[in-house]
Amino acid sequence: MSRYFEIIITGRQLAALVAGVALLVAVAFGLGVSVRLLQPAAPPPHEVIAVVPTPTVVPTSAAVPAVSGVAATPEPLPPTPTATPAPSTAPTEKPKPQPTAAAGVPLPKSAGRWVQVAALGKRDQAEGVRNRVVALGYTPKQVVVQPAGGGKFRVRVGPFPDGESAGRVTARLRAEGFSGAFVVKPGE
């Protein structure tokens, strides 16, 4: 013989149960915040201090006077560490697009290897990609926007003297979010 139990909850009891659970969540949140405030703050990551030993000058035995015919050998001093702050990144001026020389200029056939970053349907989009690539550290003269067939605009970086250096740039661009980057063979 099986027994079945029935749980009956009124509206007020249900409201009290929900309010109790909400109160427990609020108390747990408050305790978590207070524990976080008690922990010591870690230094920001940009305040890393590099310790570089300074070279010490040890006098040679010729510079030390001899005592009773025996040359004194000085003990080398231990290097003293000096704290030098890590180089800070100064804010750079945002590059302005230069559509006159770099944009729309056909590339010579023997210009070396190029890396194509994107081919887009609107010139504004291509200029935006060009500005993002320039922001990665390439000079505005290295990044060009070329008109292509079918109303497309190619964004290319280069020229590079060999396929190996173009491949390294391709890998870096892919790591920076340009997954469609590829090396263009000479003459294409």
C-alpha atoms as a PDB file:
ATOM      1  CA  MET A   1       0.000   0.000   0.000  1.00  0.00           C
ATOM      2  CA  SER A   2       1.504   3.333  -1.106  1.00  0.00           C
ATOM      3  CA  ARG A   3       1.095   6.560   0.728  1.00  0.00           C
ATOM      4  CA  TYR A   4       0.867   9.863  -1.030  1.00  0.00           C
ATOM      5  CA  PHE A   5       1.366  13.217   0.625  1.00  0.00           C
ATOM      6  CA  GLU A   6      -0.064  16.465  -0.581  1.00  0.00           C
ATOM      7  CA  ILE A   7       1.545  19.841   0.128  1.00  0.00           C
ATOM      8  CA  ILE A   8      -0.864  22.721   0.165  1.00  0.00           C
ATOM      9  CA  ILE A   9       0.545  26.288   0.113  1.00  0.00           C
ATOM     10  CA  THR A  10      -1.605  29.374   0.263  1.00  0.00           C
ATOM     11  CA  GLY A  11      -0.805  32.577  -1.610  1.00  0.00           C
ATOM     12  CA  ARG A  12       0.549  34.255   1.508  1.00  0.00           C
ATOM     13  CA  GLN A  13       2.798  31.307   2.277  1.00  0.00           C
ATOM     14  CA  LEU A  14       4.129  31.314  -1.299  1.00  0.00           C
ATOM     15  CA  ALA A  15       4.813  35.062  -1.117  1.00  0.00           C
ATOM     16  CA  ALA A  16       6.628  34.595   2.199  1.00  0.00           C
ATOM     17  CA  LEU A  17       8.717  31.764   0.699  1.00  0.00           C
ATOM     18  CA  VAL A  18       9.739  33.891  -2.322  1.00  0.00           C
ATOM     19  CA  ALA A  19      10.539  36.865  -0.054  1.00  0.00           C
ATOM     20  CA  GLY A  20      12.647  34.607   2.183  1.00  0.00           C
ATOM     21  CA  VAL A  21      14.653  33.269  -0.761  1.00  0.00           C
ATOM     22  CA  ALA A  22      15.201  36.830  -2.051  1.00  0.00           C
ATOM     23  CA  LEU A  23      16.352  37.898   1.407  1.00  0.00           C
ATOM     24  CA  LEU A  24      18.839  35.008   1.566  1.00  0.00           C
ATOM     25  CA  VAL A  25      20.228  35.935  -1.857  1.00  0.00           C
ATOM     26  CA  ALA A  26      20.598  39.590  -0.763  1.00  0.00           C
ATOM     27  CA  VAL A  27      22.406  38.588   2.429  1.00  0.00           C
ATOM     28  CA  ALA A  28      24.762  36.294   0.505  1.00  0.00           C
ATOM     29  CA  PHE A  29      25.504  39.090  -1.964  1.00  0.00           C
ATOM     30  CA  GLY A  30      26.196  41.536   0.860  1.00  0.00           C
ATOM     31  CA  LEU A  31      28.579  39.099   2.522  1.00  0.00           C
ATOM     32  CA  GLY A  32      30.408  38.553  -0.763  1.00  0.00           C
ATOM     33  CA  VAL A  33      30.851  42.279  -1.283  1.00  0.00           C
ATOM     34  CA  SER A  34      32.090  42.793   2.272  1.00  0.00           C
ATOM     35  CA  VAL A  35      34.620  39.962   1.909  1.00  0.00           C
ATOM     36  CA  ARG A  36      35.878  41.514  -1.345  1.00  0.00           C
ATOM     37  CA  LEU A  37      36.317  44.875   0.382  1.00  0.00           C
ATOM     38  CA  LEU A  38      38.417  43.269   3.112  1.00  0.00           C
ATOM     39  CA  GLN A  39      40.906  41.767   0.646  1.00  0.00           C
ATOM     40  CA  PRO A  40      44.012  43.860  -0.173  1.00  0.00           C
ATOM     41  CA  ALA A  41      43.921  45.469  -3.580  1.00  0.00           C
ATOM     42  CA  ALA A  42      46.351  44.083  -6.143  1.00  0.00           C
ATOM     43  CA  PRO A  43      48.541  46.617  -7.978  1.00  0.00           C
ATOM     44  CA  PRO A  44      47.322  47.505 -11.470  1.00  0.00           C
ATOM     45  CA  PRO A  45      49.020  45.484 -14.229  1.00  0.00           C
ATOM     46  CA  HIS A  46      50.633  48.563 -15.819  1.00  0.00           C
ATOM     47  CA  GLU A  47      52.778  49.226 -12.733  1.00  0.00           C
ATOM     48  CA  VAL A  48      55.150  46.311 -13.313  1.00  0.00           C
ATOM     49  CA  ILE A  49      58.660  47.163 -12.202  1.00  0.00           C
ATOM     50  CA  ALA A  50      61.568  45.533 -13.976  1.00  0.00           C
ATOM     51  CA  VAL A  51      64.756  44.915 -12.001  1.00  0.00           C
ATOM     52  CA  VAL A  52      67.869  45.416 -14.102  1.00  0.00           C
ATOM     53  CA  PRO A  53      71.285  44.810 -12.551  1.00  0.00           C
ATOM     54  CA  THR A  54      73.756  47.618 -13.101  1.00  0.00           C
ATOM     55  CA  PRO A  55      77.249  46.713 -14.216  1.00  0.00           C
ATOM     56  CA  THR A  56      79.897  47.106 -11.551  1.00  0.00           C
ATOM     57  CA  VAL A  57      83.457  48.164 -12.269  1.00  0.00           C
ATOM     58  CA  VAL A  58      86.000  45.910 -10.642  1.00  0.00           C
ATOM     59  CA  PRO A  59      89.513  47.372 -10.435  1.00  0.00           C
ATOM     60  CA  THR A  60      92.240  45.310 -12.023  1.00  0.00           C
ATOM     61  CA  SER A  61      95.229  44.056 -10.076  1.00  0.00           C
ATOM     62  CA  ALA A  62      97.443  46.667 -11.764  1.00  0.00           C
ATOM     63  CA  ALA A  63      95.413  49.460 -10.200  1.00  0.00           C
ATOM     64  CA  VAL A  64      95.665  47.956  -6.689  1.00  0.00           C
ATOM     65  CA  PRO A  65      98.997  48.530  -4.963  1.00  0.00           C
ATOM     66  CA  ALA A  66     100.897  45.393  -4.062  1.00  0.00           C
ATOM     67  CA  VAL A  67     101.461  44.687  -0.398  1.00  0.00           C
ATOM     68  CA  SER A  68     104.722  42.918   0.441  1.00  0.00           C
ATOM     69  CA  GLY A  69     105.124  41.500  -3.034  1.00  0.00           C
ATOM     70  CA  VAL A  70     101.714  39.795  -3.161  1.00  0.00           C
ATOM     71  CA  ALA A  71      99.090  41.275  -5.426  1.00  0.00           C
ATOM     72  CA  ALA A  72      95.789  41.850  -3.699  1.00  0.00           C
ATOM     73  CA  THR A  73      92.748  40.540  -5.525  1.00  0.00           C
ATOM     74  CA  PRO A  74      89.671  42.579  -4.785  1.00  0.00           C
ATOM     75  CA  GLU A  75      86.386  40.825  -4.159  1.00  0.00           C
ATOM     76  CA  PRO A  76      83.780  41.603  -6.793  1.00  0.00           C
ATOM     77  CA  LEU A  77      80.863  43.594  -5.516  1.00  0.00           C
ATOM     78  CA  PRO A  78      77.430  41.995  -5.798  1.00  0.00           C
ATOM     79  CA  PRO A  79      75.243  43.663  -8.402  1.00  0.00           C
ATOM     80  CA  THR A  80      72.862  46.167  -6.913  1.00  0.00           C
ATOM     81  CA  PRO A  81      69.379  45.934  -8.378  1.00  0.00           C
ATOM     82  CA  THR A  82      67.798  49.152  -9.456  1.00  0.00           C
ATOM     83  CA  ALA A  83      64.123  49.553 -10.090  1.00  0.00           C
ATOM     84  CA  THR A  84      63.217  50.944 -13.458  1.00  0.00           C
ATOM     85  CA  PRO A  85      59.591  51.496 -14.342  1.00  0.00           C
ATOM     86  CA  ALA A  86      58.189  49.611 -17.280  1.00  0.00           C
ATOM     87  CA  PRO A  87      57.772  51.749 -20.392  1.00  0.00           C
ATOM     88  CA  SER A  88      54.396  53.379 -20.445  1.00  0.00           C
ATOM     89  CA  THR A  89      52.386  53.651 -23.586  1.00  0.00           C
ATOM     90  CA  ALA A  90      51.850  57.262 -24.452  1.00  0.00           C
ATOM     91  CA  PRO A  91      48.592  58.079 -26.183  1.00  0.00           C
ATOM     92  CA  THR A  92      49.132  58.353 -29.897  1.00  0.00           C
ATOM     93  CA  GLU A  93      47.346  60.560 -32.316  1.00  0.00           C
ATOM     94  CA  LYS A  94      44.619  58.787 -34.240  1.00  0.00           C
ATOM     95  CA  PRO A  95      45.731  58.375 -37.855  1.00  0.00           C
ATOM     96  CA  LYS A  96      43.747  60.241 -40.446  1.00  0.00           C
ATOM     97  CA  PRO A  97      42.861  58.515 -43.691  1.00  0.00           C
ATOM     98  CA  GLN A  98      44.978  59.592 -46.642  1.00  0.00           C
ATOM     99  CA  PRO A  99      42.872  58.799 -49.680  1.00  0.00           C
ATOM    100  CA  THR A 100      45.097  60.712 -52.125  1.00  0.00           C
ATOM    101  CA  ALA A 101      48.285  58.639 -52.275  1.00  0.00           C
ATOM    102  CA  ALA A 102      47.362  55.319 -50.659  1.00  0.00           C
ATOM    103  CA  ALA A 103      43.776  54.768 -51.732  1.00  0.00           C
ATOM    104  CA  GLY A 104      42.828  53.793 -55.238  1.00  0.00           C
ATOM    105  CA  VAL A 105      46.400  53.510 -56.518  1.00  0.00           C
ATOM    106  CA  PRO A 106      46.973  50.401 -58.609  1.00  0.00           C
ATOM    107  CA  LEU A 107      49.942  48.363 -57.459  1.00  0.00           C
ATOM    108  CA  PRO A 108      52.815  47.700 -59.840  1.00  0.00           C
ATOM    109  CA  LYS A 109      53.070  44.082 -60.974  1.00  0.00           C
ATOM    110  CA  SER A 110      56.595  43.646 -59.553  1.00  0.00           C
ATOM    111  CA  ALA A 111      55.893  45.273 -56.182  1.00  0.00           C
ATOM    112  CA  GLY A 112      56.646  42.127 -54.162  1.00  0.00           C
ATOM    113  CA  ARG A 113      54.246  40.224 -51.958  1.00  0.00           C
ATOM    114  CA  TRP A 114      51.148  41.769 -50.425  1.00  0.00           C
ATOM    115  CA  VAL A 115      48.760  40.605 -47.721  1.00  0.00           C
ATOM    116  CA  GLN A 116      45.089  41.077 -48.507  1.00  0.00           C
ATOM    117  CA  VAL A 117      43.163  41.846 -45.338  1.00  0.00           C
ATOM    118  CA  ALA A 118      39.644  42.173 -46.750  1.00  0.00           C
ATOM    119  CA  ALA A 119      37.580  42.829 -49.859  1.00  0.00           C
ATOM    120  CA  LEU A 120      34.493  44.903 -49.126  1.00  0.00           C
ATOM    121  CA  GLY A 121      31.567  46.267 -51.109  1.00  0.00           C
ATOM    122  CA  LYS A 122      31.704  49.856 -49.805  1.00  0.00           C
ATOM    123  CA  ARG A 123      34.628  52.249 -49.794  1.00  0.00           C
ATOM    124  CA  ASP A 124      33.701  53.530 -46.299  1.00  0.00           C
ATOM    125  CA  GLN A 125      33.940  49.999 -44.895  1.00  0.00           C
ATOM    126  CA  ALA A 126      37.294  49.466 -46.607  1.00  0.00           C
ATOM    127  CA  GLU A 127      38.624  52.740 -45.171  1.00  0.00           C
ATOM    128  CA  GLY A 128      37.434  51.618 -41.711  1.00  0.00           C
ATOM    129  CA  VAL A 129      39.357  48.331 -42.031  1.00  0.00           C
ATOM    130  CA  ARG A 130      42.368  50.285 -43.301  1.00  0.00           C
ATOM    131  CA  ASN A 131      42.251  52.545 -40.224  1.00  0.00           C
ATOM    132  CA  ARG A 132      42.042  49.494 -37.922  1.00  0.00           C
ATOM    133  CA  VAL A 133      45.115  47.961 -39.600  1.00  0.00           C
ATOM    134  CA  VAL A 134      47.004  51.272 -39.332  1.00  0.00           C
ATOM    135  CA  ALA A 135      46.083  51.349 -35.627  1.00  0.00           C
ATOM    136  CA  LEU A 136      47.906  48.007 -35.242  1.00  0.00           C
ATOM    137  CA  GLY A 137      51.182  49.767 -36.042  1.00  0.00           C
ATOM    138  CA  TYR A 138      51.501  49.672 -39.822  1.00  0.00           C
ATOM    139  CA  THR A 139      52.249  52.969 -41.553  1.00  0.00           C
ATOM    140  CA  PRO A 140      49.502  54.567 -43.661  1.00  0.00           C
ATOM    141  CA  LYS A 141      51.699  54.126 -46.745  1.00  0.00           C
ATOM    142  CA  GLN A 142      51.844  50.346 -46.135  1.00  0.00           C
ATOM    143  CA  VAL A 143      48.051  49.905 -46.049  1.00  0.00           C
ATOM    144  CA  VAL A 144      46.235  50.637 -49.304  1.00  0.00           C
ATOM    145  CA  VAL A 145      42.643  50.474 -50.501  1.00  0.00           C
ATOM    146  CA  GLN A 146      42.341  49.366 -54.125  1.00  0.00           C
ATOM    147  CA  PRO A 147      39.239  49.295 -56.280  1.00  0.00           C
ATOM    148  CA  ALA A 148      38.588  45.775 -57.557  1.00  0.00           C
ATOM    149  CA  GLY A 149      36.134  44.358 -60.056  1.00  0.00           C
ATOM    150  CA  GLY A 150      32.456  44.064 -59.197  1.00  0.00           C
ATOM    151  CA  GLY A 151      32.318  47.190 -57.038  1.00  0.00           C
ATOM    152  CA  LYS A 152      34.625  45.699 -54.377  1.00  0.00           C
ATOM    153  CA  PHE A 153      37.468  47.459 -52.584  1.00  0.00           C
ATOM    154  CA  ARG A 154      40.545  45.515 -51.484  1.00  0.00           C
ATOM    155  CA  VAL A 155      42.477  46.391 -48.337  1.00  0.00           C
ATOM    156  CA  ARG A 156      46.096  45.270 -48.682  1.00  0.00           C
ATOM    157  CA  VAL A 157      49.274  45.599 -46.600  1.00  0.00           C
ATOM    158  CA  GLY A 158      52.741  45.614 -48.129  1.00  0.00           C
ATOM    159  CA  PRO A 159      54.836  45.246 -50.126  1.00  0.00           C
ATOM    160  CA  PHE A 160      57.023  42.594 -48.499  1.00  0.00           C
ATOM    161  CA  PRO A 161      60.293  41.323 -49.968  1.00  0.00           C
ATOM    162  CA  ASP A 162      59.525  37.619 -49.549  1.00  0.00           C
ATOM    163  CA  GLY A 163      56.767  35.159 -48.754  1.00  0.00           C
ATOM    164  CA  GLU A 164      58.087  34.456 -45.251  1.00  0.00           C
ATOM    165  CA  SER A 165      57.679  38.029 -44.011  1.00  0.00           C
ATOM    166  CA  ALA A 166      54.268  38.260 -45.685  1.00  0.00           C
ATOM    167  CA  GLY A 167      53.300  35.034 -43.918  1.00  0.00           C
ATOM    168  CA  ARG A 168      54.299  36.463 -40.523  1.00  0.00           C
ATOM    169  CA  VAL A 169      52.159  39.537 -41.159  1.00  0.00           C
ATOM    170  CA  THR A 170      49.271  37.319 -42.241  1.00  0.00           C
ATOM    171  CA  ALA A 171      49.514  35.324 -38.997  1.00  0.00           C
ATOM    172  CA  ARG A 172      49.567  38.525 -36.920  1.00  0.00           C
ATOM    173  CA  LEU A 173      46.547  39.968 -38.741  1.00  0.00           C
ATOM    174  CA  ARG A 174      44.624  36.721 -38.254  1.00  0.00           C
ATOM    175  CA  ALA A 175      45.456  36.808 -34.540  1.00  0.00           C
ATOM    176  CA  GLU A 176      44.145  40.384 -34.389  1.00  0.00           C
ATOM    177  CA  GLY A 177      40.752  39.343 -35.753  1.00  0.00           C
ATOM    178  CA  PHE A 178      41.178  39.550 -39.533  1.00  0.00           C
ATOM    179  CA  SER A 179      40.544  35.855 -40.163  1.00  0.00           C
ATOM    180  CA  GLY A 180      40.300  36.244 -43.938  1.00  0.00           C
ATOM    181  CA  ALA A 181      43.835  37.639 -44.420  1.00  0.00           C
ATOM    182  CA  PHE A 182      45.971  35.858 -47.000  1.00  0.00           C
ATOM    183  CA  VAL A 183      49.203  36.350 -48.976  1.00  0.00           C
ATOM    184  CA  VAL A 184      48.780  37.647 -52.512  1.00  0.00           C
ATOM    185  CA  LYS A 185      51.246  36.247 -55.021  1.00  0.00           C
ATOM    186  CA  PRO A 186      53.204  38.733 -57.154  1.00  0.00           C
ATOM    187  CA  GLY A 187      51.209  39.978 -60.122  1.00  0.00           C
ATOM    188  CA  GLU A 188      47.737  39.281 -58.694  1.00  0.00           C
END
